[in-house]
Amino acid sequence: MQSTQKCVSRFEDAYKKRLDAYNEQDAAAVAALFTQDAVLVNATGFGDALTSGQEAIKKRYEVDLASGFVVSGRIVQVYPVGSDVCANSEFTVQRHQILHGVTIYVREADEWKI
């Protein structure tokens, strides 16, 4: 059985990969962090509020990334949901707009996926 700290570390790596891919404007890399059947619910006012499936999420991020926004973030709270992890996060867009998000991470093979 893996230690809790090792699981948290892997989760934090997945979180950082998402921010890095977004800021590198790499929609394919962001989408690859999601499961094939993932659902993205977004209430920021950019694009559709609901996007389903990895390919549709990639297209959604292509539109979002065209804005050129730079995003930073931090994990506010993490807690287990069965064998998955729920993370509450705070994102700062363009150094002034603060958004909050909830992400469910699931294990797929040896990785955390959204």
Protein backbone atom coordinates (compact mmCIF):
# COMPACT_ATOMS: atom_id res chain seq x y z
CA MET A 1 0.00 0.00 0.00
CA GLN A 2 1.33 3.43 -0.96
CA SER A 3 1.89 6.02 1.71
CA THR A 4 -0.49 8.96 1.92
CA GLN A 5 2.37 11.41 1.29
CA LYS A 6 3.36 9.61 -1.93
CA CYS A 7 -0.25 9.77 -3.18
CA VAL A 8 -0.49 13.48 -2.36
CA SER A 9 2.80 14.10 -4.15
CA ARG A 10 1.53 12.38 -7.29
CA PHE A 11 -1.66 14.39 -7.12
CA GLU A 12 0.25 17.67 -6.80
CA ASP A 13 2.33 16.68 -9.83
CA ALA A 14 -0.87 16.19 -11.85
CA TYR A 15 -2.15 19.58 -10.70
CA LYS A 16 1.09 21.31 -11.71
CA LYS A 17 1.11 19.55 -15.11
CA ARG A 18 -2.32 21.04 -15.85
CA LEU A 19 -1.19 24.58 -15.00
CA ASP A 20 2.05 24.19 -16.95
CA ALA A 21 0.30 22.81 -20.04
CA TYR A 22 -2.25 25.63 -19.90
CA ASN A 23 0.41 28.32 -19.62
CA GLU A 24 2.40 26.70 -22.44
CA GLN A 25 -0.81 26.99 -24.53
CA ASP A 26 -0.81 23.24 -25.22
CA ALA A 27 -4.44 22.14 -25.47
CA ALA A 28 -3.48 18.56 -26.36
CA ALA A 29 -1.32 18.27 -23.24
CA VAL A 30 -4.11 19.67 -21.04
CA ALA A 31 -6.69 17.30 -22.56
CA ALA A 32 -4.36 14.32 -22.09
CA LEU A 33 -4.62 14.89 -18.33
CA PHE A 34 -8.35 14.09 -18.49
CA THR A 35 -9.92 10.63 -18.71
CA GLN A 36 -11.50 9.67 -22.04
CA ASP A 37 -15.00 10.13 -20.56
CA ALA A 38 -14.27 13.21 -18.44
CA VAL A 39 -16.82 15.97 -18.01
CA LEU A 40 -15.66 19.58 -17.70
CA VAL A 41 -18.14 21.95 -16.06
CA ASN A 42 -17.10 25.58 -16.41
CA ALA A 43 -18.93 28.62 -15.11
CA THR A 44 -16.33 31.26 -15.99
CA GLY A 45 -18.24 32.66 -18.93
CA PHE A 46 -15.73 31.38 -21.50
CA GLY A 47 -17.24 28.91 -24.00
CA ASP A 48 -19.76 26.20 -23.19
CA ALA A 49 -20.59 25.48 -19.56
CA LEU A 50 -20.46 21.70 -20.10
CA THR A 51 -17.95 19.77 -22.21
CA SER A 52 -17.84 15.98 -22.32
CA GLY A 53 -15.09 13.68 -23.58
CA GLN A 54 -11.35 14.15 -23.95
CA GLU A 55 -11.48 15.28 -27.60
CA ALA A 56 -14.19 17.88 -26.91
CA ILE A 57 -12.21 19.10 -23.89
CA LYS A 58 -9.16 19.53 -26.13
CA LYS A 59 -11.20 21.66 -28.55
CA ARG A 60 -12.59 23.65 -25.63
CA TYR A 61 -9.07 24.40 -24.36
CA GLU A 62 -7.96 25.42 -27.87
CA VAL A 63 -10.61 28.16 -27.71
CA ASP A 64 -9.70 29.14 -24.12
CA LEU A 65 -5.98 29.25 -24.87
CA ALA A 66 -6.53 31.65 -27.76
CA SER A 67 -7.21 34.28 -25.07
CA GLY A 68 -3.54 34.16 -24.07
CA PHE A 69 -4.36 34.26 -20.36
CA VAL A 70 -1.69 33.24 -17.87
CA VAL A 71 -2.97 31.22 -14.93
CA SER A 72 -1.41 30.49 -11.57
CA GLY A 73 -3.01 28.48 -8.83
CA ARG A 74 -2.84 26.73 -5.56
CA ILE A 75 -4.54 23.82 -3.90
CA VAL A 76 -6.75 25.00 -1.06
CA GLN A 77 -8.09 21.67 0.18
CA VAL A 78 -7.68 18.00 -0.72
CA TYR A 79 -9.76 15.12 0.54
CA PRO A 80 -10.39 11.51 -0.47
CA VAL A 81 -13.59 10.39 -2.16
CA GLY A 82 -13.35 6.62 -2.03
CA SER A 83 -10.17 5.79 -3.96
CA ASP A 84 -10.27 9.15 -5.78
CA VAL A 85 -9.17 12.62 -4.69
CA CYS A 86 -11.20 15.82 -4.66
CA ALA A 87 -9.28 19.08 -4.79
CA ASN A 88 -10.57 22.57 -4.17
CA SER A 89 -8.33 25.05 -5.94
CA GLU A 90 -7.95 28.77 -6.33
CA PHE A 91 -6.77 30.13 -9.69
CA THR A 92 -5.57 33.60 -10.50
CA VAL A 93 -6.02 34.69 -14.10
CA GLN A 94 -3.88 37.53 -15.46
CA ARG A 95 -2.85 38.39 -11.87
CA HIS A 96 -6.24 39.86 -10.97
CA GLN A 97 -9.24 37.60 -11.51
CA ILE A 98 -9.57 34.94 -8.81
CA LEU A 99 -11.57 31.82 -9.65
CA HIS A 100 -12.30 28.70 -7.61
CA GLY A 101 -12.51 25.16 -8.89
CA VAL A 102 -13.28 21.65 -7.76
CA THR A 103 -11.54 18.79 -9.52
CA ILE A 104 -11.96 15.06 -9.03
CA TYR A 105 -8.79 13.09 -9.74
CA VAL A 106 -8.98 9.35 -10.44
CA ARG A 107 -6.20 6.81 -10.80
CA GLU A 108 -5.70 5.51 -14.30
CA ALA A 109 -2.81 3.06 -14.52
CA ASP A 110 -0.06 4.82 -12.56
CA GLU A 111 -1.27 8.40 -13.06
CA TRP A 112 -3.82 10.78 -11.63
CA LYS A 113 -6.32 11.84 -14.30
CA ILE A 114 -9.02 14.49 -14.14
